[in-house]
Amino acid sequence: MQLGRVIGTVVASERTPDLDGIKFLIVQPLDRDRKDRGEPVVAADGLAMAGPDELVYFVGSREAAQAMPEPFVPIDHAVVGIVDQLTVEPLPTPARKRSQKAPAKPKATA
């Protein structure tokens, strides 16, 4: 699943009959800080409830096709949830490696 924001809608006058009544949304993928990540995608609204500027989560590939009322329709992405609240914990900082002693310098011979 990916986090995204609805930034628009798509109107398709011609579509496969299995997609009749399905709304299409333009979704901008977001990173964990809610900043744009990559290019927007067209996603079928599997919930029939998402609207402009809403924070959603969406899936792609086979999972998208299975999220529709009629499974295995020809879509690449589907909105499967509307985000009510989002709490992002800070990423853990990598553990510091123990400092290793520098190798002993060879003694200078006179």
PDB file of N, CA and C in Angstrom:
ATOM      1  N   MET A   1       0.846  -1.178   0.000  1.00  0.00           N
ATOM      2  CA  MET A   1       0.000   0.000   0.000  1.00  0.00           C
ATOM      3  C   MET A   1       0.888   1.237   0.000  1.00  0.00           C
ATOM      4  N   GLN A   2       0.373   2.256  -0.609  1.00  0.00           N
ATOM      5  CA  GLN A   2       1.082   3.524  -0.690  1.00  0.00           C
ATOM      6  C   GLN A   2       0.167   4.648  -0.217  1.00  0.00           C
ATOM      7  N   LEU A   3       0.792   5.665   0.332  1.00  0.00           N
ATOM      8  CA  LEU A   3       0.076   6.842   0.771  1.00  0.00           C
ATOM      9  C   LEU A   3      -0.003   7.824  -0.387  1.00  0.00           C
ATOM     10  N   GLY A   4      -1.150   8.503  -0.544  1.00  0.00           N
ATOM     11  CA  GLY A   4      -1.295   9.469  -1.623  1.00  0.00           C
ATOM     12  C   GLY A   4      -2.342  10.515  -1.298  1.00  0.00           C
ATOM     13  N   ARG A   5      -2.363  11.557  -2.126  1.00  0.00           N
ATOM     14  CA  ARG A   5      -3.358  12.620  -1.984  1.00  0.00           C
ATOM     15  C   ARG A   5      -4.102  12.741  -3.311  1.00  0.00           C
ATOM     16  N   VAL A   6      -5.434  12.821  -3.242  1.00  0.00           N
ATOM     17  CA  VAL A   6      -6.248  12.982  -4.448  1.00  0.00           C
ATOM     18  C   VAL A   6      -6.072  14.411  -4.947  1.00  0.00           C
ATOM     19  N   ILE A   7      -5.626  14.532  -6.207  1.00  0.00           N
ATOM     20  CA  ILE A   7      -5.389  15.869  -6.761  1.00  0.00           C
ATOM     21  C   ILE A   7      -6.287  16.170  -7.952  1.00  0.00           C
ATOM     22  N   GLY A   8      -7.122  15.205  -8.344  1.00  0.00           N
ATOM     23  CA  GLY A   8      -8.018  15.461  -9.464  1.00  0.00           C
ATOM     24  C   GLY A   8      -8.858  14.241  -9.798  1.00  0.00           C
ATOM     25  N   THR A   9      -9.678  14.396 -10.829  1.00  0.00           N
ATOM     26  CA  THR A   9     -10.529  13.302 -11.290  1.00  0.00           C
ATOM     27  C   THR A   9     -10.340  13.113 -12.785  1.00  0.00           C
ATOM     28  N   VAL A  10     -10.729  11.948 -13.265  1.00  0.00           N
ATOM     29  CA  VAL A  10     -10.664  11.633 -14.692  1.00  0.00           C
ATOM     30  C   VAL A  10     -12.071  11.254 -15.136  1.00  0.00           C
ATOM     31  N   VAL A  11     -12.501  11.800 -16.258  1.00  0.00           N
ATOM     32  CA  VAL A  11     -13.791  11.427 -16.833  1.00  0.00           C
ATOM     33  C   VAL A  11     -13.504  10.616 -18.090  1.00  0.00           C
ATOM     34  N   ALA A  12     -14.024   9.400 -18.128  1.00  0.00           N
ATOM     35  CA  ALA A  12     -13.841   8.528 -19.285  1.00  0.00           C
ATOM     36  C   ALA A  12     -15.201   8.182 -19.862  1.00  0.00           C
ATOM     37  N   SER A  13     -15.481   8.679 -21.052  1.00  0.00           N
ATOM     38  CA  SER A  13     -16.792   8.418 -21.652  1.00  0.00           C
ATOM     39  C   SER A  13     -16.875   7.002 -22.207  1.00  0.00           C
ATOM     40  N   GLU A  14     -15.751   6.412 -22.549  1.00  0.00           N
ATOM     41  CA  GLU A  14     -15.710   5.035 -23.024  1.00  0.00           C
ATOM     42  C   GLU A  14     -14.826   4.229 -22.079  1.00  0.00           C
ATOM     43  N   ARG A  15     -15.359   3.095 -21.658  1.00  0.00           N
ATOM     44  CA  ARG A  15     -14.600   2.222 -20.756  1.00  0.00           C
ATOM     45  C   ARG A  15     -15.154   0.815 -20.860  1.00  0.00           C
ATOM     46  N   THR A  16     -14.390  -0.129 -20.335  1.00  0.00           N
ATOM     47  CA  THR A  16     -14.866  -1.512 -20.335  1.00  0.00           C
ATOM     48  C   THR A  16     -16.113  -1.601 -19.454  1.00  0.00           C
ATOM     49  N   PRO A  17     -17.091  -2.410 -19.819  1.00  0.00           N
ATOM     50  CA  PRO A  17     -18.350  -2.472 -19.059  1.00  0.00           C
ATOM     51  C   PRO A  17     -18.170  -2.805 -17.576  1.00  0.00           C
ATOM     52  N   ASP A  18     -17.117  -3.565 -17.216  1.00  0.00           N
ATOM     53  CA  ASP A  18     -16.898  -3.904 -15.806  1.00  0.00           C
ATOM     54  C   ASP A  18     -16.515  -2.690 -14.966  1.00  0.00           C
ATOM     55  N   LEU A  19     -16.164  -1.580 -15.627  1.00  0.00           N
ATOM     56  CA  LEU A  19     -15.787  -0.371 -14.889  1.00  0.00           C
ATOM     57  C   LEU A  19     -16.896   0.682 -14.889  1.00  0.00           C
ATOM     58  N   ASP A  20     -18.062   0.337 -15.401  1.00  0.00           N
ATOM     59  CA  ASP A  20     -19.182   1.285 -15.366  1.00  0.00           C
ATOM     60  C   ASP A  20     -19.505   1.638 -13.916  1.00  0.00           C
ATOM     61  N   GLY A  21     -19.654   2.925 -13.654  1.00  0.00           N
ATOM     62  CA  GLY A  21     -19.989   3.387 -12.307  1.00  0.00           C
ATOM     63  C   GLY A  21     -18.793   3.585 -11.391  1.00  0.00           C
ATOM     64  N   ILE A  22     -17.586   3.242 -11.861  1.00  0.00           N
ATOM     65  CA  ILE A  22     -16.373   3.404 -11.049  1.00  0.00           C
ATOM     66  C   ILE A  22     -15.786   4.787 -11.327  1.00  0.00           C
ATOM     67  N   LYS A  23     -15.490   5.522 -10.269  1.00  0.00           N
ATOM     68  CA  LYS A  23     -14.885   6.853 -10.387  1.00  0.00           C
ATOM     69  C   LYS A  23     -13.368   6.685 -10.488  1.00  0.00           C
ATOM     70  N   PHE A  24     -12.748   7.502 -11.333  1.00  0.00           N
ATOM     71  CA  PHE A  24     -11.293   7.496 -11.466  1.00  0.00           C
ATOM     72  C   PHE A  24     -10.722   8.777 -10.881  1.00  0.00           C
ATOM     73  N   LEU A  25      -9.657   8.628 -10.107  1.00  0.00           N
ATOM     74  CA  LEU A  25      -9.027   9.755  -9.424  1.00  0.00           C
ATOM     75  C   LEU A  25      -7.573   9.882  -9.841  1.00  0.00           C
ATOM     76  N   ILE A  26      -7.075  11.102  -9.826  1.00  0.00           N
ATOM     77  CA  ILE A  26      -5.635  11.317 -10.006  1.00  0.00           C
ATOM     78  C   ILE A  26      -5.049  11.414  -8.606  1.00  0.00           C
ATOM     79  N   VAL A  27      -4.109  10.531  -8.311  1.00  0.00           N
ATOM     80  CA  VAL A  27      -3.525  10.441  -6.973  1.00  0.00           C
ATOM     81  C   VAL A  27      -2.033  10.728  -7.053  1.00  0.00           C
ATOM     82  N   GLN A  28      -1.580  11.652  -6.215  1.00  0.00           N
ATOM     83  CA  GLN A  28      -0.157  11.974  -6.106  1.00  0.00           C
ATOM     84  C   GLN A  28       0.437  11.126  -4.986  1.00  0.00           C
ATOM     85  N   PRO A  29       1.348  10.184  -5.307  1.00  0.00           N
ATOM     86  CA  PRO A  29       1.998   9.408  -4.243  1.00  0.00           C
ATOM     87  C   PRO A  29       2.798  10.322  -3.316  1.00  0.00           C
ATOM     88  N   LEU A  30       2.818   9.964  -2.036  1.00  0.00           N
ATOM     89  CA  LEU A  30       3.521  10.758  -1.028  1.00  0.00           C
ATOM     90  C   LEU A  30       4.527   9.889  -0.285  1.00  0.00           C
ATOM     91  N   ASP A  31       5.565  10.546   0.251  1.00  0.00           N
ATOM     92  CA  ASP A  31       6.503   9.823   1.103  1.00  0.00           C
ATOM     93  C   ASP A  31       6.019   9.901   2.553  1.00  0.00           C
ATOM     94  N   ARG A  32       6.802   9.389   3.473  1.00  0.00           N
ATOM     95  CA  ARG A  32       6.368   9.335   4.873  1.00  0.00           C
ATOM     96  C   ARG A  32       6.215  10.718   5.495  1.00  0.00           C
ATOM     97  N   ASP A  33       6.813  11.745   4.875  1.00  0.00           N
ATOM     98  CA  ASP A  33       6.681  13.118   5.366  1.00  0.00           C
ATOM     99  C   ASP A  33       5.595  13.881   4.613  1.00  0.00           C
ATOM    100  N   ARG A  34       4.792  13.163   3.841  1.00  0.00           N
ATOM    101  CA  ARG A  34       3.705  13.718   3.038  1.00  0.00           C
ATOM    102  C   ARG A  34       4.182  14.672   1.953  1.00  0.00           C
ATOM    103  N   LYS A  35       5.381  14.415   1.456  1.00  0.00           N
ATOM    104  CA  LYS A  35       5.911  15.182   0.327  1.00  0.00           C
ATOM    105  C   LYS A  35       5.713  14.351  -0.946  1.00  0.00           C
ATOM    106  N   ASP A  36       5.507  15.050  -2.071  1.00  0.00           N
ATOM    107  CA  ASP A  36       5.296  14.351  -3.344  1.00  0.00           C
ATOM    108  C   ASP A  36       6.438  13.387  -3.624  1.00  0.00           C
ATOM    109  N   ARG A  37       6.064  12.193  -4.109  1.00  0.00           N
ATOM    110  CA  ARG A  37       7.051  11.186  -4.480  1.00  0.00           C
ATOM    111  C   ARG A  37       6.649  10.617  -5.828  1.00  0.00           C
ATOM    112  N   GLY A  38       7.422  10.908  -6.846  1.00  0.00           N
ATOM    113  CA  GLY A  38       7.130  10.379  -8.173  1.00  0.00           C
ATOM    114  C   GLY A  38       6.004  11.114  -8.875  1.00  0.00           C
ATOM    115  N   GLU A  39       5.545  10.502  -9.947  1.00  0.00           N
ATOM    116  CA  GLU A  39       4.508  11.084 -10.793  1.00  0.00           C
ATOM    117  C   GLU A  39       3.114  10.665 -10.312  1.00  0.00           C
ATOM    118  N   PRO A  40       2.114  11.516 -10.526  1.00  0.00           N
ATOM    119  CA  PRO A  40       0.741  11.134 -10.182  1.00  0.00           C
ATOM    120  C   PRO A  40       0.287   9.918 -10.995  1.00  0.00           C
ATOM    121  N   VAL A  41      -0.661   9.165 -10.443  1.00  0.00           N
ATOM    122  CA  VAL A  41      -1.214   7.990 -11.113  1.00  0.00           C
ATOM    123  C   VAL A  41      -2.735   8.118 -11.174  1.00  0.00           C
ATOM    124  N   VAL A  42      -3.336   7.416 -12.110  1.00  0.00           N
ATOM    125  CA  VAL A  42      -4.789   7.325 -12.179  1.00  0.00           C
ATOM    126  C   VAL A  42      -5.187   6.075 -11.412  1.00  0.00           C
ATOM    127  N   ALA A  43      -6.078   6.232 -10.447  1.00  0.00           N
ATOM    128  CA  ALA A  43      -6.513   5.111  -9.616  1.00  0.00           C
ATOM    129  C   ALA A  43      -8.037   5.033  -9.615  1.00  0.00           C
ATOM    130  N   ALA A  44      -8.543   3.817  -9.736  1.00  0.00           N
ATOM    131  CA  ALA A  44      -9.981   3.601  -9.609  1.00  0.00           C
ATOM    132  C   ALA A  44     -10.342   3.729  -8.135  1.00  0.00           C
ATOM    133  N   ASP A  45     -11.453   4.360  -7.847  1.00  0.00           N
ATOM    134  CA  ASP A  45     -11.883   4.546  -6.463  1.00  0.00           C
ATOM    135  C   ASP A  45     -12.707   3.337  -6.032  1.00  0.00           C
ATOM    136  N   GLY A  46     -12.030   2.368  -5.428  1.00  0.00           N
ATOM    137  CA  GLY A  46     -12.687   1.151  -4.988  1.00  0.00           C
ATOM    138  C   GLY A  46     -13.681   1.383  -3.866  1.00  0.00           C
ATOM    139  N   LEU A  47     -13.600   2.528  -3.218  1.00  0.00           N
ATOM    140  CA  LEU A  47     -14.504   2.853  -2.112  1.00  0.00           C
ATOM    141  C   LEU A  47     -15.706   3.666  -2.557  1.00  0.00           C
ATOM    142  N   ALA A  48     -15.568   4.326  -3.690  1.00  0.00           N
ATOM    143  CA  ALA A  48     -16.582   5.255  -4.198  1.00  0.00           C
ATOM    144  C   ALA A  48     -16.869   6.356  -3.182  1.00  0.00           C
ATOM    145  N   MET A  49     -15.835   6.762  -2.428  1.00  0.00           N
ATOM    146  CA  MET A  49     -16.024   7.792  -1.397  1.00  0.00           C
ATOM    147  C   MET A  49     -14.920   8.841  -1.364  1.00  0.00           C
ATOM    148  N   ALA A  50     -13.783   8.595  -1.985  1.00  0.00           N
ATOM    149  CA  ALA A  50     -12.663   9.533  -1.889  1.00  0.00           C
ATOM    150  C   ALA A  50     -12.955  10.788  -2.706  1.00  0.00           C
ATOM    151  N   GLY A  51     -12.480  11.920  -2.196  1.00  0.00           N
ATOM    152  CA  GLY A  51     -12.724  13.186  -2.869  1.00  0.00           C
ATOM    153  C   GLY A  51     -11.469  14.020  -2.978  1.00  0.00           C
ATOM    154  N   PRO A  52     -11.596  15.197  -3.581  1.00  0.00           N
ATOM    155  CA  PRO A  52     -10.450  16.071  -3.792  1.00  0.00           C
ATOM    156  C   PRO A  52      -9.714  16.399  -2.491  1.00  0.00           C
ATOM    157  N   ASP A  53      -8.395  16.373  -2.577  1.00  0.00           N
ATOM    158  CA  ASP A  53      -7.482  16.741  -1.498  1.00  0.00           C
ATOM    159  C   ASP A  53      -7.505  15.773  -0.311  1.00  0.00           C
ATOM    160  N   GLU A  54      -8.154  14.620  -0.457  1.00  0.00           N
ATOM    161  CA  GLU A  54      -8.167  13.657   0.641  1.00  0.00           C
ATOM    162  C   GLU A  54      -6.893  12.833   0.640  1.00  0.00           C
ATOM    163  N   LEU A  55      -6.472  12.478   1.842  1.00  0.00           N
ATOM    164  CA  LEU A  55      -5.340  11.589   2.037  1.00  0.00           C
ATOM    165  C   LEU A  55      -5.873  10.164   1.942  1.00  0.00           C
ATOM    166  N   VAL A  56      -5.291   9.366   1.042  1.00  0.00           N
ATOM    167  CA  VAL A  56      -5.785   8.012   0.805  1.00  0.00           C
ATOM    168  C   VAL A  56      -4.610   7.041   0.799  1.00  0.00           C
ATOM    169  N   TYR A  57      -4.942   5.758   0.870  1.00  0.00           N
ATOM    170  CA  TYR A  57      -3.928   4.769   0.550  1.00  0.00           C
ATOM    171  C   TYR A  57      -4.441   3.940  -0.607  1.00  0.00           C
ATOM    172  N   PHE A  58      -3.475   3.557  -1.453  1.00  0.00           N
ATOM    173  CA  PHE A  58      -3.840   2.875  -2.689  1.00  0.00           C
ATOM    174  C   PHE A  58      -2.884   1.725  -2.948  1.00  0.00           C
ATOM    175  N   VAL A  59      -3.333   0.812  -3.792  1.00  0.00           N
ATOM    176  CA  VAL A  59      -2.530  -0.353  -4.154  1.00  0.00           C
ATOM    177  C   VAL A  59      -2.393  -0.391  -5.669  1.00  0.00           C
ATOM    178  N   GLY A  60      -1.451  -1.191  -6.119  1.00  0.00           N
ATOM    179  CA  GLY A  60      -1.225  -1.331  -7.547  1.00  0.00           C
ATOM    180  C   GLY A  60      -1.218  -2.788  -7.977  1.00  0.00           C
ATOM    181  N   SER A  61      -1.162  -2.979  -9.270  1.00  0.00           N
ATOM    182  CA  SER A  61      -1.058  -4.297  -9.897  1.00  0.00           C
ATOM    183  C   SER A  61      -2.271  -5.168  -9.630  1.00  0.00           C
ATOM    184  N   ARG A  62      -2.026  -6.435  -9.366  1.00  0.00           N
ATOM    185  CA  ARG A  62      -3.111  -7.403  -9.180  1.00  0.00           C
ATOM    186  C   ARG A  62      -4.009  -7.037  -7.998  1.00  0.00           C
ATOM    187  N   GLU A  63      -3.395  -6.511  -6.930  1.00  0.00           N
ATOM    188  CA  GLU A  63      -4.180  -6.120  -5.755  1.00  0.00           C
ATOM    189  C   GLU A  63      -5.200  -5.047  -6.117  1.00  0.00           C
ATOM    190  N   ALA A  64      -4.842  -4.160  -7.033  1.00  0.00           N
ATOM    191  CA  ALA A  64      -5.771  -3.114  -7.462  1.00  0.00           C
ATOM    192  C   ALA A  64      -6.980  -3.735  -8.156  1.00  0.00           C
ATOM    193  N   ALA A  65      -6.736  -4.676  -9.030  1.00  0.00           N
ATOM    194  CA  ALA A  65      -7.828  -5.319  -9.763  1.00  0.00           C
ATOM    195  C   ALA A  65      -8.743  -6.096  -8.819  1.00  0.00           C
ATOM    196  N   GLN A  66      -8.180  -6.664  -7.770  1.00  0.00           N
ATOM    197  CA  GLN A  66      -8.981  -7.432  -6.819  1.00  0.00           C
ATOM    198  C   GLN A  66      -9.778  -6.540  -5.868  1.00  0.00           C
ATOM    199  N   ALA A  67      -9.422  -5.268  -5.779  1.00  0.00           N
ATOM    200  CA  ALA A  67     -10.100  -4.359  -4.850  1.00  0.00           C
ATOM    201  C   ALA A  67     -11.417  -3.820  -5.397  1.00  0.00           C
ATOM    202  N   MET A  68     -11.702  -4.089  -6.635  1.00  0.00           N
ATOM    203  CA  MET A  68     -12.913  -3.569  -7.263  1.00  0.00           C
ATOM    204  C   MET A  68     -14.115  -4.476  -6.983  1.00  0.00           C
ATOM    205  N   PRO A  69     -15.331  -3.906  -7.077  1.00  0.00           N
ATOM    206  CA  PRO A  69     -16.530  -4.730  -6.871  1.00  0.00           C
ATOM    207  C   PRO A  69     -16.572  -5.934  -7.827  1.00  0.00           C
ATOM    208  N   GLU A  70     -16.141  -5.722  -9.070  1.00  0.00           N
ATOM    209  CA  GLU A  70     -16.000  -6.814 -10.038  1.00  0.00           C
ATOM    210  C   GLU A  70     -14.499  -7.110 -10.130  1.00  0.00           C
ATOM    211  N   PRO A  71     -14.028  -8.218  -9.539  1.00  0.00           N
ATOM    212  CA  PRO A  71     -12.588  -8.472  -9.491  1.00  0.00           C
ATOM    213  C   PRO A  71     -11.979  -8.702 -10.871  1.00  0.00           C
ATOM    214  N   PHE A  72     -10.690  -8.438 -10.921  1.00  0.00           N
ATOM    215  CA  PHE A  72      -9.862  -8.657 -12.109  1.00  0.00           C
ATOM    216  C   PHE A  72     -10.276  -7.804 -13.296  1.00  0.00           C
ATOM    217  N   VAL A  73     -10.590  -6.541 -13.022  1.00  0.00           N
ATOM    218  CA  VAL A  73     -10.846  -5.577 -14.093  1.00  0.00           C
ATOM    219  C   VAL A  73      -9.502  -4.981 -14.519  1.00  0.00           C
ATOM    220  N   PRO A  74      -9.415  -4.409 -15.710  1.00  0.00           N
ATOM    221  CA  PRO A  74      -8.139  -3.904 -16.218  1.00  0.00           C
ATOM    222  C   PRO A  74      -7.768  -2.532 -15.641  1.00  0.00           C
ATOM    223  N   ILE A  75      -7.248  -2.522 -14.428  1.00  0.00           N
ATOM    224  CA  ILE A  75      -6.763  -1.278 -13.819  1.00  0.00           C
ATOM    225  C   ILE A  75      -5.377  -1.512 -13.238  1.00  0.00           C
ATOM    226  N   ASP A  76      -4.616  -0.434 -13.082  1.00  0.00           N
ATOM    227  CA  ASP A  76      -3.270  -0.520 -12.515  1.00  0.00           C
ATOM    228  C   ASP A  76      -3.224  -0.108 -11.049  1.00  0.00           C
ATOM    229  N   HIS A  77      -4.103   0.813 -10.627  1.00  0.00           N
ATOM    230  CA  HIS A  77      -4.110   1.312  -9.253  1.00  0.00           C
ATOM    231  C   HIS A  77      -5.547   1.438  -8.746  1.00  0.00           C
ATOM    232  N   ALA A  78      -5.718   1.245  -7.442  1.00  0.00           N
ATOM    233  CA  ALA A  78      -7.039   1.402  -6.834  1.00  0.00           C
ATOM    234  C   ALA A  78      -6.913   2.016  -5.455  1.00  0.00           C
ATOM    235  N   VAL A  79      -7.755   2.984  -5.159  1.00  0.00           N
ATOM    236  CA  VAL A  79      -7.838   3.552  -3.813  1.00  0.00           C
ATOM    237  C   VAL A  79      -8.587   2.541  -2.952  1.00  0.00           C
ATOM    238  N   VAL A  80      -7.967   2.157  -1.824  1.00  0.00           N
ATOM    239  CA  VAL A  80      -8.584   1.145  -0.960  1.00  0.00           C
ATOM    240  C   VAL A  80      -8.857   1.657   0.447  1.00  0.00           C
ATOM    241  N   GLY A  81      -8.493   2.904   0.732  1.00  0.00           N
ATOM    242  CA  GLY A  81      -8.770   3.444   2.052  1.00  0.00           C
ATOM    243  C   GLY A  81      -8.617   4.947   2.098  1.00  0.00           C
ATOM    244  N   ILE A  82      -9.356   5.564   3.002  1.00  0.00           N
ATOM    245  CA  ILE A  82      -9.248   6.999   3.263  1.00  0.00           C
ATOM    246  C   ILE A  82      -8.606   7.138   4.634  1.00  0.00           C
ATOM    247  N   VAL A  83      -7.564   7.955   4.717  1.00  0.00           N
ATOM    248  CA  VAL A  83      -6.804   8.112   5.955  1.00  0.00           C
ATOM    249  C   VAL A  83      -7.491   9.152   6.831  1.00  0.00           C
ATOM    250  N   ASP A  84      -7.879   8.744   8.035  1.00  0.00           N
ATOM    251  CA  ASP A  84      -8.482   9.668   8.995  1.00  0.00           C
ATOM    252  C   ASP A  84      -7.425  10.348   9.854  1.00  0.00           C
ATOM    253  N   GLN A  85      -6.396   9.599  10.201  1.00  0.00           N
ATOM    254  CA  GLN A  85      -5.341  10.129  11.056  1.00  0.00           C
ATOM    255  C   GLN A  85      -4.037   9.442  10.676  1.00  0.00           C
ATOM    256  N   LEU A  86      -2.946  10.183  10.724  1.00  0.00           N
ATOM    257  CA  LEU A  86      -1.643   9.631  10.374  1.00  0.00           C
ATOM    258  C   LEU A  86      -0.623  10.088  11.401  1.00  0.00           C
ATOM    259  N   THR A  87       0.015   9.141  12.041  1.00  0.00           N
ATOM    260  CA  THR A  87       1.092   9.436  12.986  1.00  0.00           C
ATOM    261  C   THR A  87       2.345   8.771  12.469  1.00  0.00           C
ATOM    262  N   VAL A  88       3.377   9.545  12.257  1.00  0.00           N
ATOM    263  CA  VAL A  88       4.623   9.011  11.728  1.00  0.00           C
ATOM    264  C   VAL A  88       5.699   9.125  12.798  1.00  0.00           C
ATOM    265  N   GLU A  89       6.208   8.000  13.210  1.00  0.00           N
ATOM    266  CA  GLU A  89       7.286   7.970  14.189  1.00  0.00           C
ATOM    267  C   GLU A  89       8.597   8.279  13.477  1.00  0.00           C
ATOM    268  N   PRO A  90       9.548   8.917  14.159  1.00  0.00           N
ATOM    269  CA  PRO A  90      10.834   9.171  13.523  1.00  0.00           C
ATOM    270  C   PRO A  90      11.528   7.849  13.200  1.00  0.00           C
ATOM    271  N   LEU A  91      12.269   7.863  12.109  1.00  0.00           N
ATOM    272  CA  LEU A  91      13.031   6.670  11.757  1.00  0.00           C
ATOM    273  C   LEU A  91      14.103   6.421  12.804  1.00  0.00           C
ATOM    274  N   PRO A  92      14.369   5.164  13.134  1.00  0.00           N
ATOM    275  CA  PRO A  92      15.427   4.898  14.105  1.00  0.00           C
ATOM    276  C   PRO A  92      16.774   5.294  13.513  1.00  0.00           C
ATOM    277  N   THR A  93      17.635   5.821  14.365  1.00  0.00           N
ATOM    278  CA  THR A  93      18.966   6.180  13.895  1.00  0.00           C
ATOM    279  C   THR A  93      19.824   4.919  13.894  1.00  0.00           C
ATOM    280  N   PRO A  94      20.672   4.783  12.894  1.00  0.00           N
ATOM    281  CA  PRO A  94      21.506   3.584  12.846  1.00  0.00           C
ATOM    282  C   PRO A  94      22.452   3.549  14.044  1.00  0.00           C
ATOM    283  N   ALA A  95      22.660   2.362  14.580  1.00  0.00           N
ATOM    284  CA  ALA A  95      23.576   2.212  15.714  1.00  0.00           C
ATOM    285  C   ALA A  95      24.983   2.536  15.253  1.00  0.00           C
ATOM    286  N   ARG A  96      25.696   3.257  16.094  1.00  0.00           N
ATOM    287  CA  ARG A  96      27.068   3.594  15.752  1.00  0.00           C
ATOM    288  C   ARG A  96      27.951   2.385  15.989  1.00  0.00           C
ATOM    289  N   LYS A  97      28.856   2.200  15.081  1.00  0.00           N
ATOM    290  CA  LYS A  97      29.805   1.108  15.248  1.00  0.00           C
ATOM    291  C   LYS A  97      30.842   1.529  16.274  1.00  0.00           C
ATOM    292  N   ARG A  98      31.270   0.557  17.029  1.00  0.00           N
ATOM    293  CA  ARG A  98      32.328   0.868  17.995  1.00  0.00           C
ATOM    294  C   ARG A  98      33.556   1.316  17.236  1.00  0.00           C
ATOM    295  N   SER A  99      34.160   2.349  17.759  1.00  0.00           N
ATOM    296  CA  SER A  99      35.357   2.822  17.072  1.00  0.00           C
ATOM    297  C   SER A  99      36.467   1.802  17.292  1.00  0.00           C
ATOM    298  N   GLN A 100      37.088   1.475  16.199  1.00  0.00           N
ATOM    299  CA  GLN A 100      38.179   0.519  16.274  1.00  0.00           C
ATOM    300  C   GLN A 100      39.463   1.293  16.448  1.00  0.00           C
ATOM    301  N   LYS A 101      40.381   0.696  17.183  1.00  0.00           N
ATOM    302  CA  LYS A 101      41.674   1.346  17.372  1.00  0.00           C
ATOM    303  C   LYS A 101      42.410   1.371  16.046  1.00  0.00           C
ATOM    304  N   ALA A 102      43.090   2.466  15.823  1.00  0.00           N
ATOM    305  CA  ALA A 102      43.876   2.571  14.617  1.00  0.00           C
ATOM    306  C   ALA A 102      45.023   1.569  14.675  1.00  0.00           C
ATOM    307  N   PRO A 103      45.419   0.995  13.539  1.00  0.00           N
ATOM    308  CA  PRO A 103      46.521   0.037  13.574  1.00  0.00           C
ATOM    309  C   PRO A 103      47.792   0.712  14.056  1.00  0.00           C
ATOM    310  N   ALA A 104      48.590  -0.048  14.774  1.00  0.00           N
ATOM    311  CA  ALA A 104      49.843   0.491  15.318  1.00  0.00           C
ATOM    312  C   ALA A 104      50.755   0.897  14.180  1.00  0.00           C
ATOM    313  N   LYS A 105      51.403   2.055  14.370  1.00  0.00           N
ATOM    314  CA  LYS A 105      52.346   2.537  13.340  1.00  0.00           C
ATOM    315  C   LYS A 105      53.652   1.758  13.500  1.00  0.00           C
ATOM    316  N   PRO A 106      54.252   1.399  12.381  1.00  0.00           N
ATOM    317  CA  PRO A 106      55.552   0.697  12.495  1.00  0.00           C
ATOM    318  C   PRO A 106      56.588   1.642  13.076  1.00  0.00           C
ATOM    319  N   LYS A 107      57.477   1.067  13.887  1.00  0.00           N
ATOM    320  CA  LYS A 107      58.539   1.888  14.491  1.00  0.00           C
ATOM    321  C   LYS A 107      59.556   2.263  13.427  1.00  0.00           C
ATOM    322  N   ALA A 108      59.983   3.491  13.522  1.00  0.00           N
ATOM    323  CA  ALA A 108      60.990   3.967  12.567  1.00  0.00           C
ATOM    324  C   ALA A 108      62.355   3.415  12.978  1.00  0.00           C
ATOM    325  N   THR A 109      63.108   2.948  12.029  1.00  0.00           N
ATOM    326  CA  THR A 109      64.463   2.439  12.320  1.00  0.00           C
ATOM    327  C   THR A 109      65.457   3.498  11.895  1.00  0.00           C
ATOM    328  N   ALA A 110      66.514   3.601  12.665  1.00  0.00           N
ATOM    329  CA  ALA A 110      67.507   4.634  12.393  1.00  0.00           C
ATOM    330  C   ALA A 110      68.610   4.164  11.524  1.00  0.00           C
TER     331      ALA A 110
END
